[in-house]
Amino acid sequence: MRNDLEAICRLFREKNRFLIACHANPEGDAIGSELALALALRKMGKTATVLNSDPVPGNLVFLPGADTVIFDADGSPYEVAVVVDCGSPERTGRVQGELRKCPIMVNIDHHSTNEARGDYCLVDPEA
């Protein structure tokens, strides 16, 4: 599987505006991954927006940051799109167009079926 971890970490340090998404109809690992990454980037002083096609499931609204997830693009320009827990960009649903506007795409996933599509990928089925 593809592992661009060092390059992804460098990108997280060097860039400032991140758009984060997961697959449509997300469950706990997708939402948790998005929110954790957004929190980490914000702690680094970065702008991190979580944009999803579907709402946070009711059983996950207690997660810190769940109330910051947006469902409609705000028109802001982003430097990097990060897609987590998603085998292909098409699975992100209606937010796919916004993700494709970003000049850099990062794909982070744990599924062995991941197509490793992105400028930078971290796909680890054992994670």
C-alpha atoms as a PDB file:
ATOM      1  CA  MET A   1       0.000   0.000   0.000  1.00  0.00           C
ATOM      2  CA  ARG A   2       1.063   3.582  -0.536  1.00  0.00           C
ATOM      3  CA  ASN A   3       2.650   5.468   2.355  1.00  0.00           C
ATOM      4  CA  ASP A   4       3.475   9.152   1.887  1.00  0.00           C
ATOM      5  CA  LEU A   5       3.457   9.847   5.642  1.00  0.00           C
ATOM      6  CA  GLU A   6       6.543  12.076   5.737  1.00  0.00           C
ATOM      7  CA  ALA A   7       5.343  14.152   2.794  1.00  0.00           C
ATOM      8  CA  ILE A   8       1.866  14.476   4.333  1.00  0.00           C
ATOM      9  CA  CYS A   9       3.335  15.666   7.638  1.00  0.00           C
ATOM     10  CA  ARG A  10       5.434  18.227   5.774  1.00  0.00           C
ATOM     11  CA  LEU A  11       2.335  19.387   3.913  1.00  0.00           C
ATOM     12  CA  PHE A  12       0.443  19.772   7.205  1.00  0.00           C
ATOM     13  CA  ARG A  13       3.276  21.949   8.524  1.00  0.00           C
ATOM     14  CA  GLU A  14       3.715  24.071   5.382  1.00  0.00           C
ATOM     15  CA  LYS A  15       0.137  24.719   4.221  1.00  0.00           C
ATOM     16  CA  ASN A  16      -2.501  26.726   6.087  1.00  0.00           C
ATOM     17  CA  ARG A  17      -5.999  26.071   4.729  1.00  0.00           C
ATOM     18  CA  PHE A  18      -7.418  22.537   4.786  1.00  0.00           C
ATOM     19  CA  LEU A  19     -10.759  21.112   3.668  1.00  0.00           C
ATOM     20  CA  ILE A  20     -11.484  17.730   5.273  1.00  0.00           C
ATOM     21  CA  ALA A  21     -14.126  15.234   4.126  1.00  0.00           C
ATOM     22  CA  CYS A  22     -15.083  11.573   4.379  1.00  0.00           C
ATOM     23  CA  HIS A  23     -17.469   9.230   2.594  1.00  0.00           C
ATOM     24  CA  ALA A  24     -21.223   9.851   2.375  1.00  0.00           C
ATOM     25  CA  ASN A  25     -23.335   8.423   5.212  1.00  0.00           C
ATOM     26  CA  PRO A  26     -20.424   8.499   7.663  1.00  0.00           C
ATOM     27  CA  GLU A  27     -20.047   6.324  10.731  1.00  0.00           C
ATOM     28  CA  GLY A  28     -17.862   6.675  13.803  1.00  0.00           C
ATOM     29  CA  ASP A  29     -14.433   6.010  12.349  1.00  0.00           C
ATOM     30  CA  ALA A  30     -14.971   8.494   9.522  1.00  0.00           C
ATOM     31  CA  ILE A  31     -16.367  11.276  11.728  1.00  0.00           C
ATOM     32  CA  GLY A  32     -13.801  10.631  14.452  1.00  0.00           C
ATOM     33  CA  SER A  33     -10.953  10.753  11.940  1.00  0.00           C
ATOM     34  CA  GLU A  34     -12.157  14.024  10.441  1.00  0.00           C
ATOM     35  CA  LEU A  35     -12.690  15.720  13.772  1.00  0.00           C
ATOM     36  CA  ALA A  36      -9.365  14.544  15.211  1.00  0.00           C
ATOM     37  CA  LEU A  37      -7.459  15.768  12.163  1.00  0.00           C
ATOM     38  CA  ALA A  38      -9.288  19.110  12.194  1.00  0.00           C
ATOM     39  CA  LEU A  39      -8.498  19.558  15.887  1.00  0.00           C
ATOM     40  CA  ALA A  40      -4.814  18.736  15.355  1.00  0.00           C
ATOM     41  CA  LEU A  41      -4.518  21.162  12.443  1.00  0.00           C
ATOM     42  CA  ARG A  42      -6.273  23.925  14.380  1.00  0.00           C
ATOM     43  CA  LYS A  43      -3.900  23.377  17.310  1.00  0.00           C
ATOM     44  CA  MET A  44      -1.105  24.001  14.783  1.00  0.00           C
ATOM     45  CA  GLY A  45      -2.708  27.351  13.938  1.00  0.00           C
ATOM     46  CA  LYS A  46      -4.204  26.167  10.646  1.00  0.00           C
ATOM     47  CA  THR A  47      -7.671  26.666   9.194  1.00  0.00           C
ATOM     48  CA  ALA A  48      -9.422  23.296   9.007  1.00  0.00           C
ATOM     49  CA  THR A  49     -12.986  22.941   7.756  1.00  0.00           C
ATOM     50  CA  VAL A  50     -14.887  19.655   7.822  1.00  0.00           C
ATOM     51  CA  LEU A  51     -17.339  19.442   4.914  1.00  0.00           C
ATOM     52  CA  ASN A  52     -19.610  16.405   4.580  1.00  0.00           C
ATOM     53  CA  SER A  53     -22.426  15.334   2.293  1.00  0.00           C
ATOM     54  CA  ASP A  54     -24.464  14.041   5.220  1.00  0.00           C
ATOM     55  CA  PRO A  55     -25.036  15.117   8.824  1.00  0.00           C
ATOM     56  CA  VAL A  56     -23.152  13.725  11.781  1.00  0.00           C
ATOM     57  CA  PRO A  57     -25.184  10.710  12.994  1.00  0.00           C
ATOM     58  CA  GLY A  58     -27.152  11.386  16.169  1.00  0.00           C
ATOM     59  CA  ASN A  59     -25.138   8.907  18.206  1.00  0.00           C
ATOM     60  CA  LEU A  60     -21.951  10.863  17.418  1.00  0.00           C
ATOM     61  CA  VAL A  61     -23.004  14.462  18.044  1.00  0.00           C
ATOM     62  CA  PHE A  62     -21.323  14.302  21.463  1.00  0.00           C
ATOM     63  CA  LEU A  63     -17.879  14.236  19.809  1.00  0.00           C
ATOM     64  CA  PRO A  64     -15.888  17.447  20.291  1.00  0.00           C
ATOM     65  CA  GLY A  65     -16.169  19.523  17.138  1.00  0.00           C
ATOM     66  CA  ALA A  66     -19.209  17.685  15.746  1.00  0.00           C
ATOM     67  CA  ASP A  67     -21.096  20.977  15.791  1.00  0.00           C
ATOM     68  CA  THR A  68     -18.506  22.546  13.452  1.00  0.00           C
ATOM     69  CA  VAL A  69     -19.111  20.141  10.533  1.00  0.00           C
ATOM     70  CA  ILE A  70     -20.651  21.974   7.572  1.00  0.00           C
ATOM     71  CA  PHE A  71     -22.764  20.551   4.767  1.00  0.00           C
ATOM     72  CA  ASP A  72     -22.662  23.370   2.240  1.00  0.00           C
ATOM     73  CA  ALA A  73     -19.456  24.805   0.844  1.00  0.00           C
ATOM     74  CA  ASP A  74     -18.740  28.277   2.149  1.00  0.00           C
ATOM     75  CA  GLY A  75     -16.846  29.390  -0.961  1.00  0.00           C
ATOM     76  CA  SER A  76     -13.561  29.714   0.893  1.00  0.00           C
ATOM     77  CA  PRO A  77     -10.401  28.821  -0.999  1.00  0.00           C
ATOM     78  CA  TYR A  78      -8.444  25.897   0.419  1.00  0.00           C
ATOM     79  CA  GLU A  79      -4.903  24.786  -0.294  1.00  0.00           C
ATOM     80  CA  VAL A  80      -5.345  21.115   0.561  1.00  0.00           C
ATOM     81  CA  ALA A  81      -8.251  18.666   0.524  1.00  0.00           C
ATOM     82  CA  VAL A  82      -7.900  15.732   2.905  1.00  0.00           C
ATOM     83  CA  VAL A  83     -10.216  12.760   2.400  1.00  0.00           C
ATOM     84  CA  VAL A  84     -10.291  10.242   5.253  1.00  0.00           C
ATOM     85  CA  ASP A  85     -11.804   6.748   5.485  1.00  0.00           C
ATOM     86  CA  CYS A  86     -12.822   6.815   1.839  1.00  0.00           C
ATOM     87  CA  GLY A  87     -11.651   4.536  -0.963  1.00  0.00           C
ATOM     88  CA  SER A  88     -12.327   6.944  -3.816  1.00  0.00           C
ATOM     89  CA  PRO A  89     -13.294  10.618  -4.193  1.00  0.00           C
ATOM     90  CA  GLU A  90     -16.641   9.656  -5.723  1.00  0.00           C
ATOM     91  CA  ARG A  91     -17.716   8.176  -2.381  1.00  0.00           C
ATOM     92  CA  THR A  92     -17.638  11.649  -0.799  1.00  0.00           C
ATOM     93  CA  GLY A  93     -20.974  12.369  -2.453  1.00  0.00           C
ATOM     94  CA  ARG A  94     -22.041  15.875  -3.319  1.00  0.00           C
ATOM     95  CA  VAL A  95     -18.950  17.535  -1.772  1.00  0.00           C
ATOM     96  CA  GLN A  96     -16.705  15.928  -4.383  1.00  0.00           C
ATOM     97  CA  GLY A  97     -16.747  19.069  -6.549  1.00  0.00           C
ATOM     98  CA  GLU A  98     -15.466  21.250  -3.713  1.00  0.00           C
ATOM     99  CA  LEU A  99     -12.674  18.806  -2.964  1.00  0.00           C
ATOM    100  CA  ARG A 100     -11.563  18.803  -6.591  1.00  0.00           C
ATOM    101  CA  LYS A 101     -11.158  22.606  -6.480  1.00  0.00           C
ATOM    102  CA  CYS A 102      -8.253  22.181  -4.080  1.00  0.00           C
ATOM    103  CA  PRO A 103      -4.848  22.109  -5.775  1.00  0.00           C
ATOM    104  CA  ILE A 104      -3.612  19.280  -3.530  1.00  0.00           C
ATOM    105  CA  MET A 105      -5.472  16.091  -2.539  1.00  0.00           C
ATOM    106  CA  VAL A 106      -4.476  13.882   0.403  1.00  0.00           C
ATOM    107  CA  ASN A 107      -6.039  10.430   0.868  1.00  0.00           C
ATOM    108  CA  ILE A 108      -5.819   8.811   4.327  1.00  0.00           C
ATOM    109  CA  ASP A 109      -7.510   5.449   4.835  1.00  0.00           C
ATOM    110  CA  HIS A 110      -7.296   1.986   6.371  1.00  0.00           C
ATOM    111  CA  HIS A 111      -9.207  -0.031   3.765  1.00  0.00           C
ATOM    112  CA  SER A 112      -7.230  -2.418   1.552  1.00  0.00           C
ATOM    113  CA  THR A 113      -9.652  -1.629  -1.293  1.00  0.00           C
ATOM    114  CA  ASN A 114      -8.581   2.035  -1.339  1.00  0.00           C
ATOM    115  CA  GLU A 115      -7.641   3.115  -4.858  1.00  0.00           C
ATOM    116  CA  ALA A 116      -4.822   5.369  -3.505  1.00  0.00           C
ATOM    117  CA  ARG A 117      -6.016   8.295  -5.579  1.00  0.00           C
ATOM    118  CA  GLY A 118      -4.544  11.580  -4.483  1.00  0.00           C
ATOM    119  CA  ASP A 119      -1.371  13.603  -4.691  1.00  0.00           C
ATOM    120  CA  TYR A 120      -0.359  12.136  -1.337  1.00  0.00           C
ATOM    121  CA  CYS A 121      -1.716   8.911   0.142  1.00  0.00           C
ATOM    122  CA  LEU A 122      -1.465   7.070   3.416  1.00  0.00           C
ATOM    123  CA  VAL A 123      -3.290   3.764   3.137  1.00  0.00           C
ATOM    124  CA  ASP A 124      -2.618   1.297   5.945  1.00  0.00           C
ATOM    125  CA  PRO A 125      -5.036  -1.646   6.255  1.00  0.00           C
ATOM    126  CA  GLU A 126      -3.488  -2.545   9.617  1.00  0.00           C
ATOM    127  CA  ALA A 127      -4.273   0.836  11.177  1.00  0.00           C
END
